[in-house]
Amino acid sequence: MTVARIINDKGRDVVTMAGDVSLADLVATLAEKRIGAVVIVEGGAIKGIISERDIVRALARHGAEALGKQAAEFMTSKIVTCGPEDTIHGVMQKMTAGRFRHLPVVHHGKLAGIVSIGDIVKWRIEEVEKEAEQIREYIATA
């Protein structure tokens, strides 16, 4: 299975913000949308990503005053992306190796979606359930 299937099923909407928004505004957006990361864009180009982990690090280093600073100060700027043609297994390897939970999907240089570890786990559970059902059917007909 490829990333395209996941983003086709879940949707291609990605919450993006400019890097000059305050960290407090970004946090409010995360809470309102019930998401774990926002992609930072400038002029349509991906500049970084900021996740809950980035926010925790910012608060640990700067305390509450971090909330008044620009989100770009705390974003991960060397982000790893994937394409719609990437396999789920490949994406799992990238996420595990990089120790991150959100992966922007880029197609022809444009942001085309985002996959999270939750999306991957959901797919994997469905795959295992299908395999188990196939084995039960095979055993029943043997």
N, C-alpha and C. Protein backbone atom coordinates (compact mmCIF):
# COMPACT_ATOMS: atom_id res chain seq x y z
N MET A 1 0.84 -1.17 0.00
CA MET A 1 0.00 0.00 0.00
C MET A 1 0.89 1.24 0.00
N THR A 2 0.36 2.30 -0.60
CA THR A 2 1.12 3.55 -0.70
C THR A 2 0.47 4.66 0.12
N VAL A 3 1.22 5.72 0.29
CA VAL A 3 0.74 6.90 1.01
C VAL A 3 -0.48 7.48 0.31
N ALA A 4 -0.52 7.40 -1.01
CA ALA A 4 -1.66 7.94 -1.77
C ALA A 4 -2.98 7.38 -1.26
N ARG A 5 -3.00 6.10 -0.96
CA ARG A 5 -4.25 5.48 -0.48
C ARG A 5 -4.69 6.08 0.85
N ILE A 6 -3.74 6.29 1.74
CA ILE A 6 -4.09 6.87 3.04
C ILE A 6 -4.62 8.28 2.88
N ILE A 7 -3.91 9.12 2.11
CA ILE A 7 -4.38 10.50 2.00
C ILE A 7 -5.66 10.60 1.16
N ASN A 8 -5.87 9.65 0.26
CA ASN A 8 -7.15 9.64 -0.47
C ASN A 8 -8.30 9.28 0.46
N ASP A 9 -8.03 8.35 1.40
CA ASP A 9 -9.07 7.94 2.35
C ASP A 9 -9.33 9.00 3.42
N LYS A 10 -8.28 9.56 3.98
CA LYS A 10 -8.44 10.48 5.11
C LYS A 10 -8.64 11.92 4.67
N GLY A 11 -8.20 12.25 3.48
CA GLY A 11 -8.30 13.62 3.00
C GLY A 11 -6.92 14.24 2.90
N ARG A 12 -6.85 15.29 2.12
CA ARG A 12 -5.57 15.93 1.83
C ARG A 12 -5.40 17.26 2.56
N ASP A 13 -6.33 17.58 3.43
CA ASP A 13 -6.24 18.84 4.15
C ASP A 13 -5.04 18.84 5.09
N VAL A 14 -4.29 19.92 5.06
CA VAL A 14 -3.15 20.10 5.95
C VAL A 14 -3.28 21.48 6.56
N VAL A 15 -3.16 21.55 7.86
CA VAL A 15 -3.18 22.85 8.53
C VAL A 15 -1.80 23.45 8.38
N THR A 16 -1.76 24.64 7.78
CA THR A 16 -0.51 25.35 7.58
C THR A 16 -0.62 26.73 8.22
N MET A 17 0.51 27.27 8.59
CA MET A 17 0.57 28.62 9.13
C MET A 17 1.87 29.26 8.68
N ALA A 18 1.92 30.58 8.76
CA ALA A 18 3.15 31.30 8.48
C ALA A 18 4.05 31.23 9.70
N GLY A 19 5.34 31.32 9.50
CA GLY A 19 6.28 31.23 10.59
C GLY A 19 6.25 32.40 11.54
N ASP A 20 5.65 33.51 11.10
CA ASP A 20 5.64 34.69 11.97
C ASP A 20 4.48 34.73 12.95
N VAL A 21 3.62 33.72 12.96
CA VAL A 21 2.55 33.69 13.97
C VAL A 21 3.18 33.39 15.32
N SER A 22 2.51 33.83 16.35
CA SER A 22 3.04 33.55 17.69
C SER A 22 2.86 32.07 18.01
N LEU A 23 3.73 31.59 18.86
CA LEU A 23 3.61 30.21 19.30
C LEU A 23 2.27 30.00 20.00
N ALA A 24 1.80 31.01 20.72
CA ALA A 24 0.50 30.91 21.40
C ALA A 24 -0.62 30.70 20.39
N ASP A 25 -0.60 31.43 19.27
CA ASP A 25 -1.63 31.26 18.24
C ASP A 25 -1.55 29.87 17.62
N LEU A 26 -0.33 29.39 17.40
CA LEU A 26 -0.17 28.06 16.84
C LEU A 26 -0.70 27.01 17.80
N VAL A 27 -0.40 27.16 19.08
CA VAL A 27 -0.89 26.22 20.09
C VAL A 27 -2.42 26.22 20.10
N ALA A 28 -3.03 27.39 20.01
CA ALA A 28 -4.49 27.49 19.99
C ALA A 28 -5.06 26.75 18.78
N THR A 29 -4.38 26.84 17.64
CA THR A 29 -4.82 26.14 16.44
C THR A 29 -4.72 24.62 16.62
N LEU A 30 -3.62 24.17 17.22
CA LEU A 30 -3.48 22.73 17.47
C LEU A 30 -4.64 22.23 18.33
N ALA A 31 -4.95 22.99 19.38
CA ALA A 31 -6.03 22.59 20.28
C ALA A 31 -7.38 22.63 19.59
N GLU A 32 -7.63 23.68 18.85
CA GLU A 32 -8.92 23.84 18.16
C GLU A 32 -9.14 22.74 17.13
N LYS A 33 -8.10 22.43 16.36
CA LYS A 33 -8.22 21.44 15.28
C LYS A 33 -8.00 20.01 15.77
N ARG A 34 -7.55 19.89 17.01
CA ARG A 34 -7.25 18.57 17.60
C ARG A 34 -6.24 17.79 16.77
N ILE A 35 -5.12 18.47 16.49
CA ILE A 35 -4.05 17.90 15.69
C ILE A 35 -2.74 18.00 16.47
N GLY A 36 -1.71 17.33 15.97
CA GLY A 36 -0.44 17.31 16.68
C GLY A 36 0.69 18.08 16.03
N ALA A 37 0.45 18.62 14.82
CA ALA A 37 1.51 19.34 14.13
C ALA A 37 0.91 20.30 13.10
N VAL A 38 1.67 21.35 12.82
CA VAL A 38 1.31 22.33 11.79
C VAL A 38 2.50 22.48 10.87
N VAL A 39 2.26 22.52 9.59
CA VAL A 39 3.32 22.75 8.61
C VAL A 39 3.46 24.27 8.45
N ILE A 40 4.70 24.74 8.55
CA ILE A 40 5.00 26.16 8.39
C ILE A 40 5.34 26.40 6.92
N VAL A 41 4.63 27.33 6.31
CA VAL A 41 4.84 27.64 4.89
C VAL A 41 5.09 29.13 4.71
N GLU A 42 5.76 29.42 3.62
CA GLU A 42 6.01 30.81 3.23
C GLU A 42 5.94 30.87 1.71
N GLY A 43 5.01 31.64 1.19
CA GLY A 43 4.85 31.73 -0.25
C GLY A 43 4.57 30.40 -0.92
N GLY A 44 3.87 29.51 -0.23
CA GLY A 44 3.54 28.21 -0.77
C GLY A 44 4.61 27.15 -0.58
N ALA A 45 5.80 27.57 -0.12
CA ALA A 45 6.90 26.62 0.09
C ALA A 45 6.93 26.18 1.55
N ILE A 46 7.23 24.91 1.76
CA ILE A 46 7.35 24.37 3.11
C ILE A 46 8.65 24.87 3.72
N LYS A 47 8.54 25.50 4.87
CA LYS A 47 9.72 25.99 5.58
C LYS A 47 10.06 25.15 6.80
N GLY A 48 9.07 24.45 7.33
CA GLY A 48 9.32 23.62 8.49
C GLY A 48 8.03 23.00 9.00
N ILE A 49 8.15 22.38 10.15
CA ILE A 49 7.00 21.78 10.81
C ILE A 49 7.18 22.02 12.30
N ILE A 50 6.09 22.24 12.98
CA ILE A 50 6.15 22.39 14.42
C ILE A 50 5.12 21.46 15.04
N SER A 51 5.62 20.63 15.94
CA SER A 51 4.77 19.62 16.57
C SER A 51 4.67 19.89 18.07
N GLU A 52 3.87 19.08 18.71
CA GLU A 52 3.73 19.19 20.16
C GLU A 52 5.08 19.04 20.84
N ARG A 53 5.92 18.18 20.34
CA ARG A 53 7.25 18.00 20.94
C ARG A 53 8.08 19.26 20.83
N ASP A 54 8.01 19.95 19.69
CA ASP A 54 8.74 21.21 19.53
C ASP A 54 8.26 22.24 20.54
N ILE A 55 6.97 22.24 20.79
CA ILE A 55 6.40 23.20 21.74
C ILE A 55 6.85 22.88 23.16
N VAL A 56 6.88 21.62 23.51
CA VAL A 56 7.35 21.23 24.85
C VAL A 56 8.81 21.65 25.03
N ARG A 57 9.63 21.44 24.00
CA ARG A 57 11.04 21.86 24.09
C ARG A 57 11.15 23.38 24.25
N ALA A 58 10.33 24.12 23.50
CA ALA A 58 10.35 25.58 23.59
C ALA A 58 9.99 26.04 25.00
N LEU A 59 8.96 25.44 25.57
CA LEU A 59 8.54 25.82 26.92
C LEU A 59 9.59 25.42 27.95
N ALA A 60 10.23 24.29 27.76
CA ALA A 60 11.27 23.86 28.70
C ALA A 60 12.46 24.82 28.69
N ARG A 61 12.80 25.32 27.51
CA ARG A 61 13.96 26.22 27.39
C ARG A 61 13.65 27.66 27.76
N HIS A 62 12.46 28.13 27.37
CA HIS A 62 12.17 29.56 27.49
C HIS A 62 11.02 29.89 28.43
N GLY A 63 10.38 28.89 28.97
CA GLY A 63 9.24 29.15 29.84
C GLY A 63 8.08 29.75 29.07
N ALA A 64 7.18 30.39 29.80
CA ALA A 64 5.97 30.94 29.19
C ALA A 64 6.24 32.03 28.17
N GLU A 65 7.39 32.67 28.25
CA GLU A 65 7.68 33.73 27.28
C GLU A 65 7.83 33.18 25.86
N ALA A 66 8.06 31.88 25.71
CA ALA A 66 8.12 31.27 24.38
C ALA A 66 6.81 31.49 23.63
N LEU A 67 5.71 31.52 24.34
CA LEU A 67 4.40 31.65 23.70
C LEU A 67 4.25 32.97 22.94
N GLY A 68 5.00 33.99 23.32
CA GLY A 68 4.94 35.28 22.64
C GLY A 68 5.88 35.39 21.46
N LYS A 69 6.74 34.43 21.28
CA LYS A 69 7.71 34.46 20.19
C LYS A 69 7.12 33.84 18.92
N GLN A 70 7.81 34.10 17.81
CA GLN A 70 7.35 33.56 16.53
C GLN A 70 7.54 32.04 16.49
N ALA A 71 6.57 31.38 15.92
CA ALA A 71 6.61 29.92 15.82
C ALA A 71 7.85 29.43 15.07
N ALA A 72 8.29 30.20 14.08
CA ALA A 72 9.45 29.79 13.27
C ALA A 72 10.70 29.58 14.11
N GLU A 73 10.79 30.25 15.25
CA GLU A 73 11.95 30.08 16.13
C GLU A 73 12.06 28.65 16.65
N PHE A 74 10.94 27.94 16.71
CA PHE A 74 10.90 26.64 17.35
C PHE A 74 10.60 25.49 16.39
N MET A 75 10.39 25.80 15.13
CA MET A 75 10.03 24.76 14.18
C MET A 75 11.24 23.89 13.84
N THR A 76 10.94 22.70 13.37
CA THR A 76 11.96 21.83 12.80
C THR A 76 12.07 22.23 11.34
N SER A 77 13.23 22.74 10.96
CA SER A 77 13.36 23.24 9.59
C SER A 77 13.93 22.20 8.63
N LYS A 78 14.60 21.19 9.15
CA LYS A 78 15.11 20.12 8.29
C LYS A 78 14.11 18.97 8.32
N ILE A 79 12.99 19.17 7.62
CA ILE A 79 11.93 18.18 7.69
C ILE A 79 12.12 17.09 6.64
N VAL A 80 11.66 15.93 6.98
CA VAL A 80 11.65 14.80 6.07
C VAL A 80 10.24 14.73 5.50
N THR A 81 10.14 14.48 4.22
CA THR A 81 8.84 14.36 3.57
C THR A 81 8.75 13.01 2.87
N CYS A 82 7.58 12.73 2.37
CA CYS A 82 7.38 11.54 1.55
C CYS A 82 6.53 11.94 0.36
N GLY A 83 6.40 11.03 -0.57
CA GLY A 83 5.56 11.25 -1.74
C GLY A 83 4.39 10.29 -1.73
N PRO A 84 3.37 10.56 -2.52
CA PRO A 84 2.21 9.68 -2.57
C PRO A 84 2.56 8.26 -2.99
N GLU A 85 3.63 8.09 -3.74
CA GLU A 85 4.02 6.77 -4.23
C GLU A 85 4.82 5.97 -3.20
N ASP A 86 5.23 6.61 -2.11
CA ASP A 86 6.00 5.90 -1.09
C ASP A 86 5.14 4.82 -0.43
N THR A 87 5.80 3.73 -0.06
CA THR A 87 5.07 2.66 0.60
C THR A 87 4.89 2.98 2.08
N ILE A 88 3.89 2.36 2.67
CA ILE A 88 3.65 2.55 4.10
C ILE A 88 4.82 2.02 4.90
N HIS A 89 5.39 0.91 4.47
CA HIS A 89 6.54 0.35 5.18
C HIS A 89 7.72 1.32 5.13
N GLY A 90 7.94 1.95 4.01
CA GLY A 90 9.00 2.94 3.88
C GLY A 90 8.77 4.13 4.80
N VAL A 91 7.52 4.57 4.88
CA VAL A 91 7.17 5.69 5.75
C VAL A 91 7.37 5.31 7.21
N MET A 92 7.00 4.08 7.57
CA MET A 92 7.22 3.62 8.95
C MET A 92 8.70 3.65 9.29
N GLN A 93 9.54 3.25 8.35
CA GLN A 93 10.98 3.26 8.58
C GLN A 93 11.50 4.69 8.77
N LYS A 94 11.02 5.62 7.93
CA LYS A 94 11.43 7.02 8.07
C LYS A 94 11.02 7.57 9.43
N MET A 95 9.79 7.30 9.83
CA MET A 95 9.29 7.81 11.11
C MET A 95 10.07 7.21 12.28
N THR A 96 10.35 5.95 12.19
CA THR A 96 11.09 5.28 13.27
C THR A 96 12.52 5.80 13.35
N ALA A 97 13.17 5.88 12.20
CA ALA A 97 14.57 6.35 12.18
C ALA A 97 14.67 7.80 12.65
N GLY A 98 13.73 8.63 12.23
CA GLY A 98 13.77 10.05 12.59
C GLY A 98 13.12 10.39 13.91
N ARG A 99 12.42 9.42 14.49
CA ARG A 99 11.72 9.60 15.77
C ARG A 99 10.73 10.78 15.71
N PHE A 100 9.93 10.79 14.64
CA PHE A 100 8.87 11.79 14.53
C PHE A 100 7.57 11.12 14.16
N ARG A 101 6.46 11.86 14.36
CA ARG A 101 5.13 11.26 14.22
C ARG A 101 4.30 11.87 13.10
N HIS A 102 4.84 12.86 12.40
CA HIS A 102 4.10 13.51 11.31
C HIS A 102 5.02 13.66 10.12
N LEU A 103 4.49 13.33 8.95
CA LEU A 103 5.29 13.36 7.73
C LEU A 103 4.50 14.05 6.62
N PRO A 104 4.93 15.24 6.23
CA PRO A 104 4.26 15.92 5.11
C PRO A 104 4.43 15.12 3.81
N VAL A 105 3.38 15.12 3.01
CA VAL A 105 3.39 14.45 1.72
C VAL A 105 3.55 15.52 0.65
N VAL A 106 4.57 15.36 -0.19
CA VAL A 106 4.86 16.34 -1.24
C VAL A 106 4.73 15.66 -2.59
N HIS A 107 4.00 16.32 -3.48
CA HIS A 107 3.80 15.79 -4.84
C HIS A 107 4.07 16.93 -5.82
N HIS A 108 5.01 16.72 -6.74
CA HIS A 108 5.41 17.74 -7.72
C HIS A 108 5.77 19.06 -7.03
N GLY A 109 6.48 18.94 -5.91
CA GLY A 109 6.95 20.13 -5.20
C GLY A 109 5.92 20.85 -4.36
N LYS A 110 4.71 20.33 -4.31
CA LYS A 110 3.63 20.97 -3.54
C LYS A 110 3.18 20.09 -2.39
N LEU A 111 2.76 20.71 -1.31
CA LEU A 111 2.23 19.99 -0.17
C LEU A 111 0.91 19.33 -0.57
N ALA A 112 0.86 18.00 -0.45
CA ALA A 112 -0.30 17.25 -0.93
C ALA A 112 -1.06 16.54 0.19
N GLY A 113 -0.56 16.63 1.41
CA GLY A 113 -1.20 15.96 2.53
C GLY A 113 -0.21 15.79 3.66
N ILE A 114 -0.65 15.08 4.67
CA ILE A 114 0.22 14.76 5.80
C ILE A 114 -0.25 13.43 6.36
N VAL A 115 0.72 12.59 6.74
CA VAL A 115 0.38 11.34 7.40
C VAL A 115 0.97 11.36 8.80
N SER A 116 0.24 10.78 9.71
CA SER A 116 0.69 10.72 11.10
C SER A 116 0.91 9.26 11.47
N ILE A 117 1.56 9.05 12.58
CA ILE A 117 1.77 7.70 13.06
C ILE A 117 0.41 7.02 13.32
N GLY A 118 -0.58 7.82 13.73
CA GLY A 118 -1.92 7.27 13.93
C GLY A 118 -2.52 6.74 12.64
N ASP A 119 -2.28 7.43 11.54
CA ASP A 119 -2.76 6.95 10.24
C ASP A 119 -2.09 5.62 9.88
N ILE A 120 -0.80 5.54 10.15
CA ILE A 120 -0.04 4.34 9.83
C ILE A 120 -0.51 3.17 10.69
N VAL A 121 -0.69 3.41 11.98
CA VAL A 121 -1.15 2.35 12.89
C VAL A 121 -2.54 1.86 12.48
N LYS A 122 -3.42 2.78 12.15
CA LYS A 122 -4.77 2.41 11.70
C LYS A 122 -4.69 1.50 10.46
N TRP A 123 -3.87 1.89 9.49
CA TRP A 123 -3.71 1.07 8.29
C TRP A 123 -3.17 -0.30 8.64
N ARG A 124 -2.15 -0.34 9.51
CA ARG A 124 -1.52 -1.61 9.86
C ARG A 124 -2.51 -2.55 10.56
N ILE A 125 -3.33 -2.00 11.45
CA ILE A 125 -4.34 -2.82 12.13
C ILE A 125 -5.32 -3.40 11.11
N GLU A 126 -5.77 -2.58 10.18
CA GLU A 126 -6.68 -3.07 9.14
C GLU A 126 -6.03 -4.18 8.32
N GLU A 127 -4.75 -4.00 8.00
CA GLU A 127 -4.03 -5.00 7.22
C GLU A 127 -3.93 -6.32 7.98
N VAL A 128 -3.60 -6.27 9.25
CA VAL A 128 -3.47 -7.48 10.07
C VAL A 128 -4.83 -8.17 10.20
N GLU A 129 -5.90 -7.40 10.39
CA GLU A 129 -7.24 -7.99 10.49
C GLU A 129 -7.63 -8.70 9.19
N LYS A 130 -7.30 -8.10 8.05
CA LYS A 130 -7.60 -8.75 6.76
C LYS A 130 -6.81 -10.04 6.60
N GLU A 131 -5.54 -10.00 6.97
CA GLU A 131 -4.72 -11.21 6.88
C GLU A 131 -5.28 -12.32 7.78
N ALA A 132 -5.67 -11.97 8.99
CA ALA A 132 -6.23 -12.96 9.92
C ALA A 132 -7.52 -13.56 9.35
N GLU A 133 -8.35 -12.74 8.76
CA GLU A 133 -9.59 -13.22 8.16
C GLU A 133 -9.30 -14.16 7.00
N GLN A 134 -8.32 -13.83 6.18
CA GLN A 134 -7.94 -14.70 5.07
C GLN A 134 -7.43 -16.06 5.58
N ILE A 135 -6.67 -16.03 6.64
CA ILE A 135 -6.17 -17.29 7.22
C ILE A 135 -7.32 -18.11 7.76
N ARG A 136 -8.28 -17.46 8.45
CA ARG A 136 -9.45 -18.20 8.97
C ARG A 136 -10.23 -18.83 7.83
N GLU A 137 -10.43 -18.08 6.75
CA GLU A 137 -11.15 -18.61 5.60
C GLU A 137 -10.40 -19.79 4.97
N TYR A 138 -9.11 -19.68 4.88
CA TYR A 138 -8.30 -20.75 4.31
C TYR A 138 -8.41 -22.01 5.16
N ILE A 139 -8.31 -21.83 6.47
CA ILE A 139 -8.41 -22.99 7.37
C ILE A 139 -9.80 -23.62 7.30
N ALA A 140 -10.83 -22.79 7.21
CA ALA A 140 -12.21 -23.29 7.18
C ALA A 140 -12.48 -24.09 5.90
N THR A 141 -11.81 -23.75 4.82
CA THR A 141 -12.05 -24.46 3.56
C THR A 141 -11.08 -25.60 3.32
N ALA A 142 -10.10 -25.77 4.18
CA ALA A 142 -9.10 -26.83 3.99
C ALA A 142 -9.62 -28.18 4.39
